[in-house]
């Protein structure tokens, strides 16, 4: 049987949730704008995806990642 108390968290942190939500919004919007044939907003959605990755990296460096000093585990 697996002891979940010693699991590393599998990304259950503020940094990972924020990153995933931003990326999901970007992909959903990008898909919609692609379907509606609005290339400028497709590229804006792609840029938002990159912004989501950068925000996740910044939050992780700030201590909000798994095992970070400001995470839910502390």
PDB file of N, CA and C in Angstrom:
ATOM      1  N   UNK A   1       0.844  -1.174   0.000  1.00  0.00           N
ATOM      2  CA  UNK A   1       0.000   0.000   0.000  1.00  0.00           C
ATOM      3  C   UNK A   1       0.895   1.245   0.000  1.00  0.00           C
ATOM      4  N   UNK A   2       0.450   2.261  -0.648  1.00  0.00           N
ATOM      5  CA  UNK A   2       1.232   3.494  -0.760  1.00  0.00           C
ATOM      6  C   UNK A   2       0.960   4.396   0.436  1.00  0.00           C
ATOM      7  N   UNK A   3       2.031   4.895   1.026  1.00  0.00           N
ATOM      8  CA  UNK A   3       1.913   5.853   2.121  1.00  0.00           C
ATOM      9  C   UNK A   3       1.972   7.255   1.531  1.00  0.00           C
ATOM     10  N   UNK A   4       0.828   7.917   1.424  1.00  0.00           N
ATOM     11  CA  UNK A   4       0.760   9.237   0.791  1.00  0.00           C
ATOM     12  C   UNK A   4       1.364  10.350   1.646  1.00  0.00           C
ATOM     13  N   UNK A   5       1.642  10.075   2.883  1.00  0.00           N
ATOM     14  CA  UNK A   5       2.230  11.106   3.731  1.00  0.00           C
ATOM     15  C   UNK A   5       3.676  11.417   3.353  1.00  0.00           C
ATOM     16  N   UNK A   6       4.344  10.498   2.626  1.00  0.00           N
ATOM     17  CA  UNK A   6       5.723  10.747   2.232  1.00  0.00           C
ATOM     18  C   UNK A   6       5.857  11.069   0.744  1.00  0.00           C
ATOM     19  N   UNK A   7       4.729  11.205   0.052  1.00  0.00           N
ATOM     20  CA  UNK A   7       4.770  11.561  -1.363  1.00  0.00           C
ATOM     21  C   UNK A   7       5.301  12.989  -1.516  1.00  0.00           C
ATOM     22  N   UNK A   8       6.012  13.277  -2.595  1.00  0.00           N
ATOM     23  CA  UNK A   8       6.599  14.603  -2.773  1.00  0.00           C
ATOM     24  C   UNK A   8       5.592  15.700  -3.096  1.00  0.00           C
ATOM     25  N   UNK A   9       4.341  15.369  -3.341  1.00  0.00           N
ATOM     26  CA  UNK A   9       3.338  16.388  -3.594  1.00  0.00           C
ATOM     27  C   UNK A   9       2.857  16.397  -5.032  1.00  0.00           C
ATOM     28  N   UNK A  10       3.668  15.918  -5.945  1.00  0.00           N
ATOM     29  CA  UNK A  10       3.290  15.839  -7.352  1.00  0.00           C
ATOM     30  C   UNK A  10       2.756  17.150  -7.896  1.00  0.00           C
ATOM     31  N   UNK A  11       3.376  18.239  -7.534  1.00  0.00           N
ATOM     32  CA  UNK A  11       2.989  19.530  -8.087  1.00  0.00           C
ATOM     33  C   UNK A  11       1.849  20.202  -7.357  1.00  0.00           C
ATOM     34  N   UNK A  12       1.499  19.722  -6.187  1.00  0.00           N
ATOM     35  CA  UNK A  12       0.405  20.324  -5.426  1.00  0.00           C
ATOM     36  C   UNK A  12       0.925  21.539  -4.671  1.00  0.00           C
ATOM     37  N   UNK A  13       1.047  22.662  -5.409  1.00  0.00           N
ATOM     38  CA  UNK A  13       1.565  23.888  -4.813  1.00  0.00           C
ATOM     39  C   UNK A  13       0.933  25.092  -5.491  1.00  0.00           C
ATOM     40  N   UNK A  14       1.105  26.232  -4.904  1.00  0.00           N
ATOM     41  CA  UNK A  14       0.590  27.479  -5.478  1.00  0.00           C
ATOM     42  C   UNK A  14       1.218  27.718  -6.847  1.00  0.00           C
ATOM     43  N   UNK A  15       2.507  27.493  -6.968  1.00  0.00           N
ATOM     44  CA  UNK A  15       3.199  27.729  -8.238  1.00  0.00           C
ATOM     45  C   UNK A  15       2.655  26.824  -9.340  1.00  0.00           C
ATOM     46  N   UNK A  16       2.473  25.556  -9.040  1.00  0.00           N
ATOM     47  CA  UNK A  16       2.008  24.634 -10.080  1.00  0.00           C
ATOM     48  C   UNK A  16       0.555  24.888 -10.455  1.00  0.00           C
ATOM     49  N   UNK A  17      -0.310  25.122  -9.477  1.00  0.00           N
ATOM     50  CA  UNK A  17      -1.709  25.389  -9.790  1.00  0.00           C
ATOM     51  C   UNK A  17      -1.865  26.679 -10.584  1.00  0.00           C
ATOM     52  N   UNK A  18      -1.151  27.712 -10.213  1.00  0.00           N
ATOM     53  CA  UNK A  18      -1.222  28.975 -10.949  1.00  0.00           C
ATOM     54  C   UNK A  18      -0.755  28.777 -12.383  1.00  0.00           C
ATOM     55  N   UNK A  19       0.347  28.079 -12.552  1.00  0.00           N
ATOM     56  CA  UNK A  19       0.883  27.828 -13.890  1.00  0.00           C
ATOM     57  C   UNK A  19      -0.111  27.037 -14.740  1.00  0.00           C
ATOM     58  N   UNK A  20      -0.663  25.983 -14.178  1.00  0.00           N
ATOM     59  CA  UNK A  20      -1.591  25.137 -14.927  1.00  0.00           C
ATOM     60  C   UNK A  20      -2.854  25.907 -15.307  1.00  0.00           C
ATOM     61  N   UNK A  21      -3.392  26.698 -14.403  1.00  0.00           N
ATOM     62  CA  UNK A  21      -4.609  27.461 -14.708  1.00  0.00           C
ATOM     63  C   UNK A  21      -4.353  28.464 -15.830  1.00  0.00           C
ATOM     64  N   UNK A  22      -3.240  29.183 -15.761  1.00  0.00           N
ATOM     65  CA  UNK A  22      -2.919  30.156 -16.816  1.00  0.00           C
ATOM     66  C   UNK A  22      -2.732  29.449 -18.158  1.00  0.00           C
ATOM     67  N   UNK A  23      -2.040  28.320 -18.158  1.00  0.00           N
ATOM     68  CA  UNK A  23      -1.816  27.584 -19.402  1.00  0.00           C
ATOM     69  C   UNK A  23      -3.138  27.052 -19.953  1.00  0.00           C
ATOM     70  N   UNK A  24      -4.022  26.554 -19.091  1.00  0.00           N
ATOM     71  CA  UNK A  24      -5.308  26.052 -19.554  1.00  0.00           C
ATOM     72  C   UNK A  24      -6.146  27.166 -20.185  1.00  0.00           C
ATOM     73  N   UNK A  25      -6.142  28.338 -19.571  1.00  0.00           N
ATOM     74  CA  UNK A  25      -6.869  29.483 -20.139  1.00  0.00           C
ATOM     75  C   UNK A  25      -6.269  29.862 -21.487  1.00  0.00           C
ATOM     76  N   UNK A  26      -4.944  29.881 -21.575  1.00  0.00           N
ATOM     77  CA  UNK A  26      -4.271  30.253 -22.825  1.00  0.00           C
ATOM     78  C   UNK A  26      -4.587  29.265 -23.945  1.00  0.00           C
ATOM     79  N   UNK A  27      -4.544  27.984 -23.642  1.00  0.00           N
ATOM     80  CA  UNK A  27      -4.815  26.967 -24.674  1.00  0.00           C
ATOM     81  C   UNK A  27      -6.288  27.011 -25.092  1.00  0.00           C
ATOM     82  N   UNK A  28      -7.182  27.169 -24.125  1.00  0.00           N
ATOM     83  CA  UNK A  28      -8.614  27.257 -24.447  1.00  0.00           C
ATOM     84  C   UNK A  28      -8.903  28.478 -25.304  1.00  0.00           C
ATOM     85  N   UNK A  29      -8.367  29.625 -24.908  1.00  0.00           N
ATOM     86  CA  UNK A  29      -8.579  30.851 -25.686  1.00  0.00           C
ATOM     87  C   UNK A  29      -7.937  30.730 -27.064  1.00  0.00           C
ATOM     88  N   UNK A  30      -6.739  30.193 -27.117  1.00  0.00           N
ATOM     89  CA  UNK A  30      -6.061  30.027 -28.398  1.00  0.00           C
ATOM     90  C   UNK A  30      -6.837  29.127 -29.347  1.00  0.00           C
ATOM     91  N   UNK A  31      -7.412  28.059 -28.806  1.00  0.00           N
ATOM     92  CA  UNK A  31      -8.223  27.158 -29.628  1.00  0.00           C
ATOM     93  C   UNK A  31      -9.472  27.871 -30.147  1.00  0.00           C
ATOM     94  N   UNK A  32     -10.127  28.605 -29.268  1.00  0.00           N
ATOM     95  CA  UNK A  32     -11.315  29.362 -29.678  1.00  0.00           C
ATOM     96  C   UNK A  32     -10.977  30.391 -30.751  1.00  0.00           C
ATOM     97  N   UNK A  33      -9.911  31.147 -30.540  1.00  0.00           N
ATOM     98  CA  UNK A  33      -9.535  32.175 -31.506  1.00  0.00           C
ATOM     99  C   UNK A  33      -9.053  31.578 -32.818  1.00  0.00           C
ATOM    100  N   UNK A  34      -8.432  30.399 -32.755  1.00  0.00           N
ATOM    101  CA  UNK A  34      -8.048  29.707 -33.984  1.00  0.00           C
ATOM    102  C   UNK A  34      -9.299  29.303 -34.768  1.00  0.00           C
ATOM    103  N   UNK A  35     -10.283  28.775 -34.054  1.00  0.00           N
ATOM    104  CA  UNK A  35     -11.540  28.381 -34.688  1.00  0.00           C
ATOM    105  C   UNK A  35     -12.251  29.593 -35.296  1.00  0.00           C
ATOM    106  N   UNK A  36     -12.210  30.738 -34.592  1.00  0.00           N
ATOM    107  CA  UNK A  36     -12.857  31.957 -35.077  1.00  0.00           C
ATOM    108  C   UNK A  36     -12.010  32.708 -36.097  1.00  0.00           C
ATOM    109  N   UNK A  37     -10.820  32.179 -36.387  1.00  0.00           N
ATOM    110  CA  UNK A  37      -9.909  32.766 -37.371  1.00  0.00           C
ATOM    111  C   UNK A  37      -9.513  34.210 -37.018  1.00  0.00           C
ATOM    112  N   UNK A  38      -8.992  34.360 -35.786  1.00  0.00           N
ATOM    113  CA  UNK A  38      -8.497  35.654 -35.314  1.00  0.00           C
ATOM    114  C   UNK A  38      -7.018  35.463 -34.951  1.00  0.00           C
ATOM    115  N   UNK A  39      -6.136  35.552 -35.971  1.00  0.00           N
ATOM    116  CA  UNK A  39      -4.724  35.217 -35.747  1.00  0.00           C
ATOM    117  C   UNK A  39      -4.037  36.059 -34.668  1.00  0.00           C
ATOM    118  N   UNK A  40      -4.377  37.314 -34.565  1.00  0.00           N
ATOM    119  CA  UNK A  40      -3.721  38.169 -33.562  1.00  0.00           C
ATOM    120  C   UNK A  40      -3.971  37.627 -32.157  1.00  0.00           C
ATOM    121  N   UNK A  41      -5.195  37.201 -31.890  1.00  0.00           N
ATOM    122  CA  UNK A  41      -5.500  36.681 -30.560  1.00  0.00           C
ATOM    123  C   UNK A  41      -4.960  35.268 -30.354  1.00  0.00           C
ATOM    124  N   UNK A  42      -4.754  34.521 -31.429  1.00  0.00           N
ATOM    125  CA  UNK A  42      -4.083  33.222 -31.305  1.00  0.00           C
ATOM    126  C   UNK A  42      -2.654  33.445 -30.824  1.00  0.00           C
ATOM    127  N   UNK A  43      -1.964  34.415 -31.426  1.00  0.00           N
ATOM    128  CA  UNK A  43      -0.597  34.724 -31.000  1.00  0.00           C
ATOM    129  C   UNK A  43      -0.572  35.302 -29.590  1.00  0.00           C
ATOM    130  N   UNK A  44      -1.589  36.095 -29.245  1.00  0.00           N
ATOM    131  CA  UNK A  44      -1.668  36.623 -27.876  1.00  0.00           C
ATOM    132  C   UNK A  44      -1.859  35.473 -26.887  1.00  0.00           C
ATOM    133  N   UNK A  45      -2.628  34.478 -27.257  1.00  0.00           N
ATOM    134  CA  UNK A  45      -2.821  33.303 -26.394  1.00  0.00           C
ATOM    135  C   UNK A  45      -1.520  32.528 -26.229  1.00  0.00           C
ATOM    136  N   UNK A  46      -0.757  32.423 -27.311  1.00  0.00           N
ATOM    137  CA  UNK A  46       0.547  31.759 -27.225  1.00  0.00           C
ATOM    138  C   UNK A  46       1.476  32.529 -26.286  1.00  0.00           C
ATOM    139  N   UNK A  47       1.417  33.855 -26.363  1.00  0.00           N
ATOM    140  CA  UNK A  47       2.229  34.682 -25.465  1.00  0.00           C
ATOM    141  C   UNK A  47       1.785  34.491 -24.013  1.00  0.00           C
ATOM    142  N   UNK A  48       0.475  34.368 -23.798  1.00  0.00           N
ATOM    143  CA  UNK A  48      -0.032  34.139 -22.441  1.00  0.00           C
ATOM    144  C   UNK A  48       0.467  32.804 -21.899  1.00  0.00           C
ATOM    145  N   UNK A  49       0.573  31.803 -22.751  1.00  0.00           N
ATOM    146  CA  UNK A  49       1.108  30.517 -22.337  1.00  0.00           C
ATOM    147  C   UNK A  49       2.544  30.672 -21.824  1.00  0.00           C
ATOM    148  N   UNK A  50       3.347  31.417 -22.549  1.00  0.00           N
ATOM    149  CA  UNK A  50       4.737  31.655 -22.124  1.00  0.00           C
ATOM    150  C   UNK A  50       4.760  32.440 -20.815  1.00  0.00           C
ATOM    151  N   UNK A  51       3.871  33.424 -20.687  1.00  0.00           N
ATOM    152  CA  UNK A  51       3.778  34.200 -19.446  1.00  0.00           C
ATOM    153  C   UNK A  51       3.435  33.275 -18.279  1.00  0.00           C
ATOM    154  N   UNK A  52       2.533  32.323 -18.509  1.00  0.00           N
ATOM    155  CA  UNK A  52       2.189  31.367 -17.457  1.00  0.00           C
ATOM    156  C   UNK A  52       3.383  30.560 -16.992  1.00  0.00           C
ATOM    157  N   UNK A  53       4.221  30.130 -17.940  1.00  0.00           N
ATOM    158  CA  UNK A  53       5.425  29.392 -17.574  1.00  0.00           C
ATOM    159  C   UNK A  53       6.392  30.256 -16.762  1.00  0.00           C
ATOM    160  N   UNK A  54       6.540  31.505 -17.166  1.00  0.00           N
ATOM    161  CA  UNK A  54       7.442  32.418 -16.456  1.00  0.00           C
ATOM    162  C   UNK A  54       6.917  32.699 -15.045  1.00  0.00           C
ATOM    163  N   UNK A  55       5.613  32.907 -14.921  1.00  0.00           N
ATOM    164  CA  UNK A  55       5.028  33.156 -13.599  1.00  0.00           C
ATOM    165  C   UNK A  55       5.231  31.939 -12.696  1.00  0.00           C
ATOM    166  N   UNK A  56       5.049  30.745 -13.239  1.00  0.00           N
ATOM    167  CA  UNK A  56       5.283  29.535 -12.451  1.00  0.00           C
ATOM    168  C   UNK A  56       6.717  29.436 -11.977  1.00  0.00           C
ATOM    169  N   UNK A  57       7.654  29.757 -12.859  1.00  0.00           N
ATOM    170  CA  UNK A  57       9.068  29.715 -12.485  1.00  0.00           C
ATOM    171  C   UNK A  57       9.367  30.750 -11.392  1.00  0.00           C
ATOM    172  N   UNK A  58       8.801  31.948 -11.531  1.00  0.00           N
ATOM    173  CA  UNK A  58       9.018  33.002 -10.536  1.00  0.00           C
ATOM    174  C   UNK A  58       8.439  32.587  -9.184  1.00  0.00           C
ATOM    175  N   UNK A  59       7.221  32.038  -9.194  1.00  0.00           N
ATOM    176  CA  UNK A  59       6.612  31.600  -7.934  1.00  0.00           C
ATOM    177  C   UNK A  59       7.413  30.477  -7.282  1.00  0.00           C
ATOM    178  N   UNK A  60       7.932  29.572  -8.091  1.00  0.00           N
ATOM    179  CA  UNK A  60       8.758  28.497  -7.541  1.00  0.00           C
ATOM    180  C   UNK A  60      10.013  29.061  -6.891  1.00  0.00           C
ATOM    181  N   UNK A  61      10.671  29.989  -7.582  1.00  0.00           N
ATOM    182  CA  UNK A  61      11.874  30.623  -7.028  1.00  0.00           C
ATOM    183  C   UNK A  61      11.565  31.431  -5.765  1.00  0.00           C
ATOM    184  N   UNK A  62      10.326  31.946  -5.671  1.00  0.00           N
ATOM    185  CA  UNK A  62       9.925  32.735  -4.499  1.00  0.00           C
ATOM    186  C   UNK A  62       9.537  31.852  -3.311  1.00  0.00           C
ATOM    187  N   UNK A  63       9.528  30.520  -3.501  1.00  0.00           N
ATOM    188  CA  UNK A  63       9.254  29.617  -2.392  1.00  0.00           C
ATOM    189  C   UNK A  63       7.854  29.037  -2.377  1.00  0.00           C
ATOM    190  N   UNK A  64       7.090  29.220  -3.439  1.00  0.00           N
ATOM    191  CA  UNK A  64       5.725  28.712  -3.483  1.00  0.00           C
ATOM    192  C   UNK A  64       5.607  27.380  -4.213  1.00  0.00           C
ATOM    193  N   UNK A  65       6.720  26.770  -4.557  1.00  0.00           N
ATOM    194  CA  UNK A  65       6.709  25.458  -5.222  1.00  0.00           C
ATOM    195  C   UNK A  65       6.619  24.339  -4.215  1.00  0.00           C
ATOM    196  N   UNK A  66       6.626  23.097  -4.710  1.00  0.00           N
ATOM    197  CA  UNK A  66       6.595  21.931  -3.840  1.00  0.00           C
ATOM    198  C   UNK A  66       7.824  21.942  -2.949  1.00  0.00           C
ATOM    199  N   UNK A  67       7.615  21.877  -1.662  1.00  0.00           N
ATOM    200  CA  UNK A  67       8.718  21.889  -0.706  1.00  0.00           C
ATOM    201  C   UNK A  67       9.305  23.263  -0.471  1.00  0.00           C
ATOM    202  N   UNK A  68       8.708  24.290  -1.028  1.00  0.00           N
ATOM    203  CA  UNK A  68       9.210  25.651  -0.850  1.00  0.00           C
ATOM    204  C   UNK A  68       8.918  26.189   0.544  1.00  0.00           C
ATOM    205  N   UNK A  69       9.601  27.247   0.894  1.00  0.00           N
ATOM    206  CA  UNK A  69       9.475  27.803   2.240  1.00  0.00           C
ATOM    207  C   UNK A  69       8.114  28.440   2.508  1.00  0.00           C
ATOM    208  N   UNK A  70       7.395  28.809   1.459  1.00  0.00           N
ATOM    209  CA  UNK A  70       6.092  29.452   1.642  1.00  0.00           C
ATOM    210  C   UNK A  70       4.954  28.558   1.168  1.00  0.00           C
ATOM    211  N   UNK A  71       5.245  27.320   0.875  1.00  0.00           N
ATOM    212  CA  UNK A  71       4.248  26.385   0.380  1.00  0.00           C
ATOM    213  C   UNK A  71       3.319  25.892   1.468  1.00  0.00           C
ATOM    214  N   UNK A  72       2.326  25.107   1.068  1.00  0.00           N
ATOM    215  CA  UNK A  72       1.329  24.591   2.015  1.00  0.00           C
ATOM    216  C   UNK A  72       1.926  23.599   3.007  1.00  0.00           C
ATOM    217  N   UNK A  73       3.069  23.012   2.678  1.00  0.00           N
ATOM    218  CA  UNK A  73       3.697  22.035   3.570  1.00  0.00           C
ATOM    219  C   UNK A  73       4.364  22.649   4.786  1.00  0.00           C
ATOM    220  N   UNK A  74       4.502  23.949   4.811  1.00  0.00           N
ATOM    221  CA  UNK A  74       5.189  24.594   5.935  1.00  0.00           C
ATOM    222  C   UNK A  74       4.256  25.384   6.789  1.00  0.00           C
TER     223      UNK A  74
END
